[in-house]
Each structure stands twice: as C-alpha cells, then as structure tokens.
Amino acid sequence: ELVKEYFNAYIATDFTTLEALATPLSEMEKSYITTMSQYYEEYQNIKCYTKHGLSRDSYIVSACFDVKFAGQEVTAPSMLLFYVQTDKDGALYINNIYSDFNMKYRENPVDNDVYTALKKYTMQDDYLELFNQVESEFSKLIRENNDIYQLTKRTIPSTRQTWEDTVFYVESTEAVGGTEGTEVVQ
C-alpha cells in the first residue's frame, strides 16, 4: 500500500502526500517530479518483494510494476528499489535518502552501512533474476514499439537533461557560491 500510495501521489504531484510517505523530499526533487510526472499516467500491477534492511523494522523493497505512459496504449515493465523504515509510531515510510533521485544527485548524504546493504542486495541472485526479467521484457517492448522507444530513450532523457541543465546544475552552482562560468563537477 505504501508504494502504491507513493506512485499515485507522484503522478498527481501531490507533495503533501509524498512528504508523508517519503522523507526527506527536497525542493529540488519536487521540481524534478513536477517536470517528469507529465509522462506518467498510471502505475499498474505493483508487486513488492521485500527483505529485511539493517534492522528488524527496516526493509529493502524491490517494486516491480507496469508504467502506463501518458498518451500510450501499452504499459512498460519497470522496477524501483526503496528503503522502507518504521517511524517512532510504528508507521512505515520510505527513507527517501536512498531514492533513485538522491542516489543520482546526492543532495543528502547517505549512511555507508545502508548504502552497502543496498549494494549487496542488488548483487543477490534473486534480485538479479528479477531485474534481468524486467530488463528483458522492457527491451523486447522497445524493440517492438517505436513510440515507447522514442519516449523512453529520447523524449524522457531529453527532458531530464534539460531539467538538469536549467535547474540542478544552476542550483548546485548557486549553493556552493558559484559565479557565472563556474562548472559543477558531478
């Protein structure tokens, strides 16, 4: 339910709900979600596979699902990794420090022990089998469907690059006191 609610809030750019489900959620990530959510209509057939994280009340979650892209008839198989923890009241939440967004853009520092646990998890046979199955199904889809190919290999990456160039690198430069012409190395 947590992952399903997260996906629904993501598509709707419902930041109040997202912040209740996934913390921390930075202003930069909100900007990214606002930019990218236009391409997603629905997440379907969500199946979560879990293993314990570093503590008894934390979980590493592989979420497999089908993405319905806006304006497309077919869905595309996909997979995301979440680190889920339990708060002091016993409610589950997504520790967003280990989200794909933060792992790529490194706004927040990660705990090395959790990072190592996630890396080890992604090297386990059962994870690799699941990942390879999703990748194989996705590769087959984009070979057979040029619209999905163009969307996932051209349009979405181009939008992401534009967002990085106009938001991420600009804000990163400003945050470190950069001046015009300063290059931020990532």
Protein backbone atom coordinates (compact mmCIF):
# COMPACT_ATOMS: atom_id res chain seq x y z
CA GLU A 1 0.00 0.00 0.00
CA LEU A 2 2.83 2.41 0.85
CA VAL A 3 4.44 2.03 -2.57
CA LYS A 4 1.07 2.25 -4.36
CA GLU A 5 0.21 5.46 -2.50
CA TYR A 6 3.66 6.83 -3.30
CA PHE A 7 3.22 6.19 -7.03
CA ASN A 8 -0.27 7.71 -7.07
CA ALA A 9 0.99 10.83 -5.28
CA TYR A 10 3.98 11.03 -7.63
CA ILE A 11 1.78 11.08 -10.73
CA ALA A 12 -0.55 13.64 -9.15
CA THR A 13 2.41 15.75 -7.92
CA ASP A 14 0.69 15.62 -4.52
CA PHE A 15 3.62 16.79 -2.43
CA THR A 16 1.69 16.78 0.85
CA THR A 17 1.08 13.06 0.47
CA LEU A 18 4.56 12.39 -0.90
CA GLU A 19 6.17 14.13 2.09
CA ALA A 20 4.07 11.98 4.44
CA LEU A 21 5.18 8.80 2.66
CA ALA A 22 8.78 9.56 1.67
CA THR A 23 11.13 11.69 3.68
CA PRO A 24 13.10 13.85 3.08
CA LEU A 25 11.62 15.36 -0.07
CA SER A 26 13.65 18.37 -1.16
CA GLU A 27 12.51 21.33 -3.22
CA MET A 28 14.84 20.18 -5.99
CA GLU A 29 13.25 16.73 -6.06
CA LYS A 30 9.79 18.34 -6.13
CA SER A 31 10.93 20.32 -9.18
CA TYR A 32 12.13 17.09 -10.80
CA ILE A 33 8.86 15.28 -10.04
CA THR A 34 6.85 18.19 -11.43
CA THR A 35 8.89 18.06 -14.64
CA MET A 36 8.88 14.29 -15.09
CA SER A 37 5.38 13.32 -13.89
CA GLN A 38 3.84 14.67 -17.10
CA TYR A 39 4.93 11.46 -18.84
CA TYR A 40 3.27 9.04 -16.43
CA GLU A 41 -0.43 8.26 -16.36
CA GLU A 42 -0.58 5.28 -14.03
CA TYR A 43 1.42 2.61 -12.27
CA GLN A 44 -0.24 -0.81 -12.58
CA ASN A 45 0.32 -4.36 -11.32
CA ILE A 46 2.57 -3.27 -8.47
CA LYS A 47 4.31 -6.19 -6.80
CA CYS A 48 6.74 -5.66 -3.95
CA TYR A 49 9.47 -8.08 -2.92
CA THR A 50 10.99 -7.37 0.47
CA LYS A 51 13.92 -8.36 2.61
CA HIS A 52 14.92 -7.02 5.98
CA GLY A 53 17.17 -4.00 5.98
CA LEU A 54 19.76 -3.28 8.64
CA SER A 55 17.25 -3.51 11.48
CA ARG A 56 14.15 -5.57 12.21
CA ASP A 57 11.95 -2.58 11.40
CA SER A 58 13.53 -1.69 8.05
CA TYR A 59 13.08 -3.27 4.64
CA ILE A 60 14.68 -3.27 1.23
CA VAL A 61 11.84 -3.29 -1.28
CA SER A 62 12.02 -4.17 -4.95
CA ALA A 63 8.87 -2.76 -6.53
CA CYS A 64 8.03 -4.23 -9.92
CA PHE A 65 5.23 -2.59 -11.88
CA ASP A 66 3.91 -1.63 -15.27
CA VAL A 67 4.06 2.03 -16.26
CA LYS A 68 1.23 3.48 -18.33
CA PHE A 69 2.76 6.45 -20.10
CA ALA A 70 0.56 9.41 -20.95
CA GLY A 71 -0.91 9.02 -24.42
CA GLN A 72 0.24 5.41 -24.86
CA GLU A 73 -1.87 2.28 -25.12
CA VAL A 74 0.67 -0.25 -23.84
CA THR A 75 2.40 -0.40 -20.48
CA ALA A 76 6.11 -0.83 -19.87
CA PRO A 77 7.60 -3.09 -17.19
CA SER A 78 9.79 -1.33 -14.67
CA MET A 79 11.38 -1.73 -11.27
CA LEU A 80 12.48 0.57 -8.44
CA LEU A 81 14.30 -0.04 -5.21
CA PHE A 82 13.10 1.52 -1.93
CA TYR A 83 14.48 1.54 1.59
CA VAL A 84 11.49 1.43 3.94
CA GLN A 85 11.69 2.08 7.65
CA THR A 86 9.33 2.25 10.60
CA ASP A 87 8.84 5.55 12.41
CA LYS A 88 8.51 6.00 16.18
CA ASP A 89 4.73 5.49 15.93
CA GLY A 90 5.12 2.19 14.08
CA ALA A 91 4.14 3.51 10.64
CA LEU A 92 6.13 2.58 7.56
CA TYR A 93 7.75 5.30 5.44
CA ILE A 94 10.15 5.45 2.52
CA ASN A 95 13.58 6.69 3.53
CA ASN A 96 13.98 8.95 0.55
CA ILE A 97 17.70 9.41 1.11
CA TYR A 98 18.04 6.09 -0.76
CA SER A 99 15.73 7.07 -3.62
CA ASP A 100 16.92 6.92 -7.21
CA PHE A 101 16.84 10.73 -7.19
CA ASN A 102 19.15 11.18 -4.21
CA MET A 103 21.43 8.33 -5.23
CA LYS A 104 21.97 10.12 -8.56
CA TYR A 105 22.03 13.77 -7.47
CA ARG A 106 23.42 13.33 -3.91
CA GLU A 107 21.56 16.18 -2.23
CA ASN A 108 21.61 14.32 1.08
CA PRO A 109 24.47 12.24 2.46
CA VAL A 110 23.85 8.51 2.70
CA ASP A 111 24.69 6.23 5.58
CA ASN A 112 27.51 3.94 4.39
CA ASP A 113 26.08 0.90 6.18
CA VAL A 114 22.68 1.27 4.49
CA TYR A 115 24.32 2.01 1.14
CA THR A 116 26.46 -1.13 1.47
CA ALA A 117 23.39 -3.22 2.40
CA LEU A 118 21.55 -1.94 -0.68
CA LYS A 119 24.54 -2.70 -2.92
CA LYS A 120 24.82 -6.22 -1.50
CA TYR A 121 21.09 -6.71 -2.03
CA THR A 122 21.40 -5.77 -5.71
CA MET A 123 24.08 -8.44 -6.16
CA GLN A 124 21.96 -11.29 -4.79
CA ASP A 125 20.77 -13.91 -7.24
CA ASP A 126 17.05 -13.40 -6.57
CA TYR A 127 17.32 -9.64 -7.13
CA LEU A 128 19.39 -10.09 -10.29
CA GLU A 129 16.91 -12.62 -11.65
CA LEU A 130 14.03 -10.19 -11.09
CA PHE A 131 15.98 -7.25 -12.50
CA ASN A 132 17.03 -9.19 -15.59
CA GLN A 133 13.47 -10.37 -16.19
CA VAL A 134 12.15 -6.78 -16.09
CA GLU A 135 15.01 -5.54 -18.29
CA SER A 136 14.42 -8.33 -20.81
CA GLU A 137 10.68 -7.58 -21.02
CA PHE A 138 11.37 -3.85 -21.37
CA SER A 139 13.99 -4.42 -24.09
CA LYS A 140 11.53 -6.60 -26.01
CA LEU A 141 8.85 -3.90 -25.72
CA ILE A 142 11.03 -1.09 -27.05
CA ARG A 143 12.19 -3.28 -29.95
CA GLU A 144 8.56 -3.86 -30.89
CA ASN A 145 7.07 -0.45 -30.08
CA ASN A 146 8.75 2.60 -31.60
CA ASP A 147 6.52 5.04 -29.66
CA ILE A 148 7.68 3.64 -26.31
CA TYR A 149 11.25 3.53 -27.60
CA GLN A 150 11.14 7.20 -28.61
CA LEU A 151 9.51 8.19 -25.32
CA THR A 152 11.86 6.26 -23.01
CA LYS A 153 15.10 6.60 -24.96
CA ARG A 154 14.74 10.07 -26.43
CA THR A 155 11.94 12.28 -25.03
CA ILE A 156 12.21 11.49 -21.30
CA PRO A 157 16.05 11.57 -21.27
CA SER A 158 15.98 14.86 -23.16
CA THR A 159 13.55 16.35 -20.64
CA ARG A 160 15.73 15.06 -17.79
CA GLN A 161 18.81 16.65 -19.36
CA THR A 162 17.01 19.96 -19.81
CA TRP A 163 15.90 19.83 -16.16
CA GLU A 164 19.48 19.11 -15.07
CA ASP A 165 20.86 21.95 -17.17
CA THR A 166 18.28 24.53 -16.11
CA VAL A 167 17.60 23.52 -12.50
CA PHE A 168 20.04 21.05 -10.97
CA TYR A 169 23.36 22.44 -12.20
CA VAL A 170 22.18 26.04 -11.75
CA GLU A 171 21.04 25.47 -8.16
CA SER A 172 24.11 23.36 -7.36
CA THR A 173 26.38 26.15 -8.58
CA GLU A 174 24.46 28.77 -6.60
CA ALA A 175 24.52 26.59 -3.47
CA VAL A 176 28.33 26.47 -3.49
CA GLY A 177 28.62 30.20 -4.11
CA GLY A 178 29.47 29.77 -7.77
CA THR A 179 29.61 32.56 -10.27
CA GLU A 180 28.85 32.69 -13.93
CA GLY A 181 31.08 30.33 -15.82
CA THR A 182 31.64 28.04 -12.83
CA GLU A 183 31.43 24.40 -13.73
CA VAL A 184 29.97 21.97 -11.22
CA VAL A 185 31.59 18.57 -11.47
CA GLN A 186 29.32 15.66 -10.57
